[in-house]
Every structure is written in C-alpha cells, then in structure tokens.
N, C-alpha and C. Protein backbone atom coordinates (compact mmCIF):
# COMPACT_ATOMS: atom_id res chain seq x y z
N MET A 1 -40.37 -0.46 -44.75
CA MET A 1 -38.91 -1.40 -44.44
C MET A 1 -38.39 -0.77 -44.11
N VAL A 2 -37.80 0.05 -44.51
CA VAL A 2 -37.07 1.42 -44.18
C VAL A 2 -36.75 1.82 -42.84
N CYS A 3 -38.00 2.18 -42.25
CA CYS A 3 -38.19 2.34 -41.03
C CYS A 3 -38.03 1.12 -40.10
N CYS A 4 -38.48 0.12 -40.05
CA CYS A 4 -37.84 -1.04 -39.73
C CYS A 4 -36.73 -1.50 -39.08
N ILE A 5 -35.81 -1.01 -40.62
CA ILE A 5 -34.25 -0.86 -40.43
C ILE A 5 -33.61 -0.10 -39.49
N LEU A 6 -34.26 0.85 -39.50
CA LEU A 6 -33.78 1.97 -38.84
C LEU A 6 -34.36 2.15 -37.13
N GLN A 7 -35.19 1.54 -37.14
CA GLN A 7 -36.03 1.01 -35.76
C GLN A 7 -35.18 0.06 -35.03
N ASP A 8 -34.64 -0.61 -35.96
CA ASP A 8 -33.53 -1.93 -35.19
C ASP A 8 -32.48 -1.05 -35.08
N LYS A 9 -31.82 -0.70 -36.02
CA LYS A 9 -30.27 0.05 -35.64
C LYS A 9 -30.68 0.49 -34.23
N TYR A 10 -31.29 1.61 -34.03
CA TYR A 10 -31.56 2.61 -33.15
C TYR A 10 -31.20 1.80 -31.56
N GLU A 11 -32.25 0.42 -31.67
CA GLU A 11 -32.63 -0.58 -30.26
C GLU A 11 -31.27 -0.82 -30.53
N ARG A 12 -30.79 -1.38 -31.39
CA ARG A 12 -29.51 -2.04 -30.83
C ARG A 12 -28.32 -0.74 -30.46
N GLU A 13 -28.15 0.00 -30.76
CA GLU A 13 -27.37 1.25 -30.30
C GLU A 13 -27.83 1.70 -28.78
N LEU A 14 -29.07 1.61 -28.85
CA LEU A 14 -29.35 1.92 -27.64
C LEU A 14 -29.30 1.03 -26.56
N MET A 15 -29.28 -0.31 -26.92
CA MET A 15 -29.03 -1.28 -25.90
C MET A 15 -27.24 -1.37 -25.85
N LEU A 16 -26.26 -0.87 -26.71
CA LEU A 16 -25.30 -0.88 -26.68
C LEU A 16 -24.44 0.16 -25.84
N HIS A 17 -25.15 1.29 -25.89
CA HIS A 17 -25.20 2.35 -24.94
C HIS A 17 -25.42 2.08 -23.45
N ALA A 18 -26.58 1.34 -23.15
CA ALA A 18 -26.74 0.87 -21.84
C ALA A 18 -25.94 -0.04 -21.37
N ALA A 19 -25.27 -0.86 -22.58
CA ALA A 19 -24.52 -1.45 -21.82
C ALA A 19 -22.85 -1.33 -21.11
N ASP A 20 -22.88 0.25 -22.19
CA ASP A 20 -21.62 0.88 -21.69
C ASP A 20 -21.98 1.76 -20.51
N VAL A 21 -22.78 2.03 -20.66
CA VAL A 21 -23.32 2.77 -19.63
C VAL A 21 -22.77 2.26 -17.99
N GLU A 22 -23.58 0.83 -18.45
CA GLU A 22 -23.60 0.16 -17.10
C GLU A 22 -22.26 -0.15 -16.56
N ALA A 23 -21.32 -0.76 -18.00
CA ALA A 23 -20.08 -0.86 -17.81
C ALA A 23 -18.87 0.09 -16.88
N LEU A 24 -19.38 1.34 -17.25
CA LEU A 24 -18.50 2.60 -16.80
C LEU A 24 -18.94 2.63 -15.06
N SER A 25 -20.42 2.93 -15.06
CA SER A 25 -20.61 2.51 -13.68
C SER A 25 -20.02 1.57 -12.80
N ALA A 26 -20.02 0.76 -13.38
CA ALA A 26 -19.06 -0.49 -12.53
C ALA A 26 -17.59 0.02 -12.39
N LEU A 27 -16.88 0.57 -13.26
CA LEU A 27 -15.69 0.95 -13.19
C LEU A 27 -15.78 2.17 -12.44
N LYS A 28 -16.36 3.12 -12.29
CA LYS A 28 -16.47 3.98 -11.39
C LYS A 28 -16.34 3.39 -9.76
N ARG A 29 -17.64 2.81 -9.56
CA ARG A 29 -17.64 1.63 -8.35
C ARG A 29 -16.16 0.95 -8.12
N GLN A 30 -15.75 0.75 -8.96
CA GLN A 30 -14.32 -0.12 -8.56
C GLN A 30 -13.27 0.64 -7.92
N MET A 31 -13.38 2.11 -9.06
CA MET A 31 -12.35 2.97 -9.03
C MET A 31 -12.38 3.78 -7.41
N GLU A 32 -13.80 3.44 -7.17
CA GLU A 32 -13.87 4.47 -5.52
C GLU A 32 -13.35 3.32 -4.68
N GLY A 33 -13.45 1.95 -4.35
CA GLY A 33 -12.96 1.26 -3.92
C GLY A 33 -11.66 1.25 -3.36
N PHE A 34 -10.95 1.43 -5.27
CA PHE A 34 -9.55 1.38 -5.04
C PHE A 34 -8.92 2.76 -4.57
N HIS A 35 -9.60 3.51 -4.65
CA HIS A 35 -9.31 5.28 -3.95
C HIS A 35 -9.18 5.04 -2.35
N GLY A 36 -10.73 4.10 -1.79
CA GLY A 36 -10.62 4.00 -0.68
C GLY A 36 -9.63 3.31 -0.24
N GLN A 37 -8.98 2.17 -0.85
CA GLN A 37 -7.98 0.97 -0.20
C GLN A 37 -6.73 2.39 0.08
N LEU A 38 -6.49 3.15 -1.11
CA LEU A 38 -5.24 3.53 -1.25
C LEU A 38 -5.08 4.50 -0.24
N HIS A 39 -6.32 5.35 0.40
CA HIS A 39 -6.57 6.04 1.26
C HIS A 39 -6.31 5.71 2.63
N ASP A 40 -7.03 4.36 2.79
CA ASP A 40 -6.40 3.34 4.37
C ASP A 40 -4.85 3.04 3.95
N SER A 41 -4.32 2.91 2.87
CA SER A 41 -2.74 2.22 3.00
C SER A 41 -2.49 3.68 3.21
N ASP A 42 -2.54 4.78 2.84
CA ASP A 42 -1.53 5.88 3.17
C ASP A 42 -1.86 6.21 4.21
N GLU A 43 -2.81 6.26 5.10
CA GLU A 43 -2.98 6.49 6.43
C GLU A 43 -2.05 5.81 7.04
N ARG A 44 -2.27 4.47 7.12
CA ARG A 44 -1.32 3.03 7.89
C ARG A 44 0.29 4.04 7.46
N CYS A 45 0.30 4.03 6.42
CA CYS A 45 1.89 4.40 6.18
C CYS A 45 2.32 5.56 6.85
N ARG A 46 1.61 6.69 6.89
CA ARG A 46 1.48 7.56 7.77
C ARG A 46 1.94 7.48 9.34
N ALA A 47 0.74 6.70 9.87
CA ALA A 47 1.21 6.04 10.97
C ALA A 47 2.43 5.39 11.54
N ALA A 48 2.80 4.33 10.30
CA ALA A 48 3.86 3.76 10.52
C ALA A 48 5.32 4.58 10.88
N GLN A 49 5.17 5.99 10.00
CA GLN A 49 6.03 6.93 9.37
C GLN A 49 6.44 7.48 10.90
N HIS A 50 5.12 7.84 11.46
CA HIS A 50 5.16 8.55 12.58
C HIS A 50 5.82 7.67 13.71
N LYS A 51 5.56 6.78 13.64
CA LYS A 51 5.93 5.64 14.78
C LYS A 51 7.36 5.13 14.86
N LEU A 52 7.92 5.42 13.99
CA LEU A 52 8.99 4.83 13.48
C LEU A 52 10.13 6.28 13.68
N THR A 53 9.48 7.48 13.30
CA THR A 53 10.41 8.65 13.78
C THR A 53 10.13 8.66 15.39
N GLU A 54 9.26 8.56 16.25
CA GLU A 54 9.19 8.54 17.50
C GLU A 54 10.16 7.23 18.17
N LEU A 55 10.11 6.13 17.60
CA LEU A 55 10.94 5.29 18.08
C LEU A 55 12.90 5.92 17.81
N GLU A 56 13.10 6.10 16.64
CA GLU A 56 14.13 6.79 16.42
C GLU A 56 14.48 7.61 17.40
N VAL A 57 13.78 8.53 17.84
CA VAL A 57 14.27 9.66 18.53
C VAL A 57 14.34 9.04 20.10
N LEU A 58 13.24 8.45 20.50
CA LEU A 58 13.49 7.20 21.66
C LEU A 58 14.57 6.49 21.71
N TRP A 59 15.68 5.87 20.55
CA TRP A 59 16.43 4.93 20.89
C TRP A 59 17.69 6.09 20.63
N SER A 60 17.60 7.00 19.69
CA SER A 60 18.73 7.99 20.17
C SER A 60 18.75 8.39 21.16
N GLY A 61 18.01 8.73 22.08
CA GLY A 61 18.01 9.41 23.57
C GLY A 61 18.35 8.33 24.47
N GLN A 62 18.21 7.09 24.31
CA GLN A 62 18.94 6.08 25.39
C GLN A 62 20.20 5.92 24.70
N CYS A 63 20.53 5.89 23.48
CA CYS A 63 22.30 5.55 23.01
C CYS A 63 22.78 6.73 24.09
N LEU A 64 22.36 7.97 23.63
CA LEU A 64 22.89 9.28 24.37
C LEU A 64 23.40 8.73 25.66
N CYS A 65 22.04 8.62 26.53
CA CYS A 65 21.79 8.11 27.70
C CYS A 65 23.06 6.84 27.89
N SER A 66 23.42 6.18 27.38
CA SER A 66 23.75 4.94 27.82
C SER A 66 25.69 5.70 27.47
N LEU A 67 25.35 6.29 26.52
CA LEU A 67 26.90 6.42 26.11
C LEU A 67 27.42 7.64 27.11
N HIS A 68 26.47 8.25 28.01
CA HIS A 68 26.71 9.32 29.00
C HIS A 68 27.03 8.38 30.50
N VAL A 69 26.22 7.76 30.49
CA VAL A 69 26.57 6.87 31.79
C VAL A 69 28.00 6.06 31.49
N PHE A 70 28.42 5.45 30.38
CA PHE A 70 29.79 4.60 29.92
C PHE A 70 30.71 5.97 30.04
N ILE A 71 30.59 6.74 29.71
CA ILE A 71 31.61 8.14 29.68
C ILE A 71 31.99 8.15 31.16
N CYS A 72 30.69 8.44 31.99
CA CYS A 72 30.69 8.87 33.35
C CYS A 72 31.67 7.72 34.62
N MET A 73 31.48 6.50 33.79
CA MET A 73 31.77 4.94 34.64
C MET A 73 33.50 5.28 34.17
N VAL A 74 33.59 5.74 32.99
CA VAL A 74 35.25 5.58 32.26
C VAL A 74 35.87 6.67 33.35
N LEU A 75 35.39 7.85 33.29
CA LEU A 75 35.87 8.65 34.12
C LEU A 75 35.98 8.69 35.53
N MET A 76 35.02 7.79 36.06
CA MET A 76 34.93 7.91 37.57
C MET A 76 36.18 6.87 37.68
N LEU A 77 36.58 5.85 36.70
CA LEU A 77 37.34 4.46 37.18
C LEU A 77 38.82 5.10 36.79
N TYR A 78 38.62 6.25 35.63
CA TYR A 78 40.22 7.07 35.59
C TYR A 78 40.57 7.56 36.92
N LYS A 79 39.52 8.21 37.56
CA LYS A 79 39.61 9.08 38.69
C LYS A 79 39.83 7.99 40.11
N GLY A 80 39.66 7.12 39.60
CA GLY A 80 39.42 5.89 40.90
C GLY A 80 38.56 6.11 42.09
N THR A 81 37.63 6.95 41.75
CA THR A 81 36.45 6.72 42.03
C THR A 81 35.18 5.73 42.43
N TYR A 82 35.30 4.98 41.52
CA TYR A 82 34.32 3.78 41.14
C TYR A 82 34.55 2.57 41.95
C-alpha cells in the first residue's frame, strides 16, 4: 500500500516535471523569436541612423553650397558685375 502511494506520488511528480520542461522549452523558443526580432530591429535602426547621417551630410553640403552661391551673388551685385 505504501508502495502504491509512493509510486503515485512519483508518477505525479514526473508528470509535473515533464510539463515544466515543456513550458521551459516553449519559453526558450519564444525568447529566441524575440531575440531575432530585436536583432532585426537593431539592424533596421542602424541602417536608418546611417542613412540619416548621409542625408545630414548631403543637406549640410547643399546648404553650404547655396550659401556660397548667395554670397557670390551678393558680392557680384555689390560690385555691379551681376
């Protein structure tokens, strides 16, 4: 009789352990998915930052070029050669 009780307890603990192992495996798979999404988002963020830097440099160059042209036109007007 004690043997049957112990056997039942053992089987119950084994089933609970198996359920815990399955839940842990599911959480690990979910975490791997989140890690992949985070990596993809990080890559997109880096690409966007790189593009923003390129555009800022381009815009800065255009502004300087436009400013240079404006200054030259003002000087030409001042000198009367425009």
